[in-house]
Amino acid sequence: MKVVEVTEAADRLSECIQEAQRERILVTRGGRPAALITGIEGYDLEDILLASDPSFWQMIQERRQEESIDRDEILRRLAAAPSDTEE
């Protein structure tokens, strides 16, 4: 991980963004961590927005606490369900 002072990052922002596609850049202010620049080229906008949304992660955490259904149970339920093509 590369470390740069905030003034250097500001002066070289375009270069820092390019470098961040290869490795994360820790931006410091007075020697203390202030920000992290992470490259996101190649990611979908929707994925980026979801990954940074606290309510999305809260929903994921809640769903993980719920009881899950194993594969065999899903297949059994699907086999028992009426088909859309049946009349």
C-alpha atoms as a PDB file:
ATOM      1  CA  MET A   1       0.000   0.000   0.000  1.00  0.00           C
ATOM      2  CA  LYS A   2       1.344   3.379  -0.989  1.00  0.00           C
ATOM      3  CA  VAL A   3       1.201   6.250   1.526  1.00  0.00           C
ATOM      4  CA  VAL A   4       1.021   9.907   0.469  1.00  0.00           C
ATOM      5  CA  GLU A   5       0.475  13.152   2.343  1.00  0.00           C
ATOM      6  CA  VAL A   6      -2.791  14.953   1.543  1.00  0.00           C
ATOM      7  CA  THR A   7      -0.992  17.879  -0.125  1.00  0.00           C
ATOM      8  CA  GLU A   8       0.850  15.496  -2.460  1.00  0.00           C
ATOM      9  CA  ALA A   9      -2.379  13.624  -3.224  1.00  0.00           C
ATOM     10  CA  ALA A  10      -4.109  16.903  -4.067  1.00  0.00           C
ATOM     11  CA  ASP A  11      -1.268  17.994  -6.345  1.00  0.00           C
ATOM     12  CA  ARG A  12      -1.179  14.602  -8.086  1.00  0.00           C
ATOM     13  CA  LEU A  13      -4.844  13.546  -7.876  1.00  0.00           C
ATOM     14  CA  SER A  14      -5.090  12.222 -11.429  1.00  0.00           C
ATOM     15  CA  GLU A  15      -1.914  10.161 -10.986  1.00  0.00           C
ATOM     16  CA  CYS A  16      -3.108   8.872  -7.606  1.00  0.00           C
ATOM     17  CA  ILE A  17      -6.375   7.697  -9.169  1.00  0.00           C
ATOM     18  CA  GLN A  18      -4.460   5.834 -11.867  1.00  0.00           C
ATOM     19  CA  GLU A  19      -2.132   4.271  -9.292  1.00  0.00           C
ATOM     20  CA  ALA A  20      -5.110   3.304  -7.120  1.00  0.00           C
ATOM     21  CA  GLN A  21      -6.278   0.948  -9.868  1.00  0.00           C
ATOM     22  CA  ARG A  22      -3.209  -1.184  -9.072  1.00  0.00           C
ATOM     23  CA  GLU A  23      -2.798  -0.648  -5.315  1.00  0.00           C
ATOM     24  CA  ARG A  24      -4.590   1.191  -2.552  1.00  0.00           C
ATOM     25  CA  ILE A  25      -3.275   4.583  -1.542  1.00  0.00           C
ATOM     26  CA  LEU A  26      -3.433   5.724   2.066  1.00  0.00           C
ATOM     27  CA  VAL A  27      -3.692   9.502   2.310  1.00  0.00           C
ATOM     28  CA  THR A  28      -2.332  11.018   5.504  1.00  0.00           C
ATOM     29  CA  ARG A  29      -2.685  14.427   7.094  1.00  0.00           C
ATOM     30  CA  GLY A  30       0.111  15.304   9.480  1.00  0.00           C
ATOM     31  CA  GLY A  31       1.257  11.686   9.464  1.00  0.00           C
ATOM     32  CA  ARG A  32      -2.162  10.343  10.499  1.00  0.00           C
ATOM     33  CA  PRO A  33      -4.488   8.359   8.212  1.00  0.00           C
ATOM     34  CA  ALA A  34      -7.119  10.609   6.621  1.00  0.00           C
ATOM     35  CA  ALA A  35      -8.472   8.715   3.589  1.00  0.00           C
ATOM     36  CA  LEU A  36      -8.032   5.645   1.460  1.00  0.00           C
ATOM     37  CA  ILE A  37      -8.086   5.794  -2.340  1.00  0.00           C
ATOM     38  CA  THR A  38      -9.214   2.530  -3.909  1.00  0.00           C
ATOM     39  CA  GLY A  39      -9.499   1.941  -7.643  1.00  0.00           C
ATOM     40  CA  ILE A  40     -12.931   0.882  -8.844  1.00  0.00           C
ATOM     41  CA  GLU A  41     -12.503   0.694 -12.605  1.00  0.00           C
ATOM     42  CA  GLY A  42     -14.284  -2.359 -13.960  1.00  0.00           C
ATOM     43  CA  TYR A  43     -16.953  -2.449 -11.250  1.00  0.00           C
ATOM     44  CA  ASP A  44     -20.626  -1.789 -11.954  1.00  0.00           C
ATOM     45  CA  LEU A  45     -22.026   1.425 -10.486  1.00  0.00           C
ATOM     46  CA  GLU A  46     -24.817  -0.522  -8.759  1.00  0.00           C
ATOM     47  CA  ASP A  47     -22.279  -2.807  -7.043  1.00  0.00           C
ATOM     48  CA  ILE A  48     -20.295   0.190  -5.815  1.00  0.00           C
ATOM     49  CA  LEU A  49     -23.392   1.929  -4.473  1.00  0.00           C
ATOM     50  CA  LEU A  50     -24.610  -1.213  -2.690  1.00  0.00           C
ATOM     51  CA  ALA A  51     -21.194  -1.940  -1.199  1.00  0.00           C
ATOM     52  CA  SER A  52     -21.103   1.521   0.361  1.00  0.00           C
ATOM     53  CA  ASP A  53     -24.721   1.499   1.636  1.00  0.00           C
ATOM     54  CA  PRO A  54     -24.979   0.709   5.377  1.00  0.00           C
ATOM     55  CA  SER A  55     -28.650  -0.289   5.031  1.00  0.00           C
ATOM     56  CA  PHE A  56     -27.688  -2.945   2.465  1.00  0.00           C
ATOM     57  CA  TRP A  57     -25.166  -4.479   4.882  1.00  0.00           C
ATOM     58  CA  GLN A  58     -27.724  -4.309   7.704  1.00  0.00           C
ATOM     59  CA  MET A  59     -30.166  -6.273   5.508  1.00  0.00           C
ATOM     60  CA  ILE A  60     -27.450  -8.845   4.716  1.00  0.00           C
ATOM     61  CA  GLN A  61     -26.667  -9.258   8.420  1.00  0.00           C
ATOM     62  CA  GLU A  62     -30.370  -9.732   9.250  1.00  0.00           C
ATOM     63  CA  ARG A  63     -30.829 -12.314   6.477  1.00  0.00           C
ATOM     64  CA  ARG A  64     -27.791 -14.277   7.652  1.00  0.00           C
ATOM     65  CA  GLN A  65     -29.392 -14.631  11.070  1.00  0.00           C
ATOM     66  CA  GLU A  66     -32.546 -16.166   9.573  1.00  0.00           C
ATOM     67  CA  GLU A  67     -32.919 -19.905   9.208  1.00  0.00           C
ATOM     68  CA  SER A  68     -31.705 -21.104   5.830  1.00  0.00           C
ATOM     69  CA  ILE A  69     -33.126 -23.761   3.530  1.00  0.00           C
ATOM     70  CA  ASP A  70     -30.797 -26.410   2.159  1.00  0.00           C
ATOM     71  CA  ARG A  71     -30.656 -27.420  -1.495  1.00  0.00           C
ATOM     72  CA  ASP A  72     -32.604 -30.665  -1.039  1.00  0.00           C
ATOM     73  CA  GLU A  73     -35.485 -28.809   0.634  1.00  0.00           C
ATOM     74  CA  ILE A  74     -35.610 -26.264  -2.200  1.00  0.00           C
ATOM     75  CA  LEU A  75     -35.713 -29.052  -4.796  1.00  0.00           C
ATOM     76  CA  ARG A  76     -38.460 -30.851  -2.855  1.00  0.00           C
ATOM     77  CA  ARG A  77     -40.562 -27.660  -2.698  1.00  0.00           C
ATOM     78  CA  LEU A  78     -40.036 -26.984  -6.400  1.00  0.00           C
ATOM     79  CA  ALA A  79     -41.072 -30.521  -7.309  1.00  0.00           C
ATOM     80  CA  ALA A  80     -44.248 -30.185  -5.222  1.00  0.00           C
ATOM     81  CA  ALA A  81     -45.198 -26.762  -6.636  1.00  0.00           C
ATOM     82  CA  PRO A  82     -47.705 -26.634  -9.498  1.00  0.00           C
ATOM     83  CA  SER A  83     -46.123 -25.958 -12.873  1.00  0.00           C
ATOM     84  CA  ASP A  84     -46.970 -22.806 -14.859  1.00  0.00           C
ATOM     85  CA  THR A  85     -47.467 -24.996 -17.922  1.00  0.00           C
ATOM     86  CA  GLU A  86     -50.029 -27.283 -16.267  1.00  0.00           C
ATOM     87  CA  GLU A  87     -53.683 -26.597 -16.992  1.00  0.00           C
END
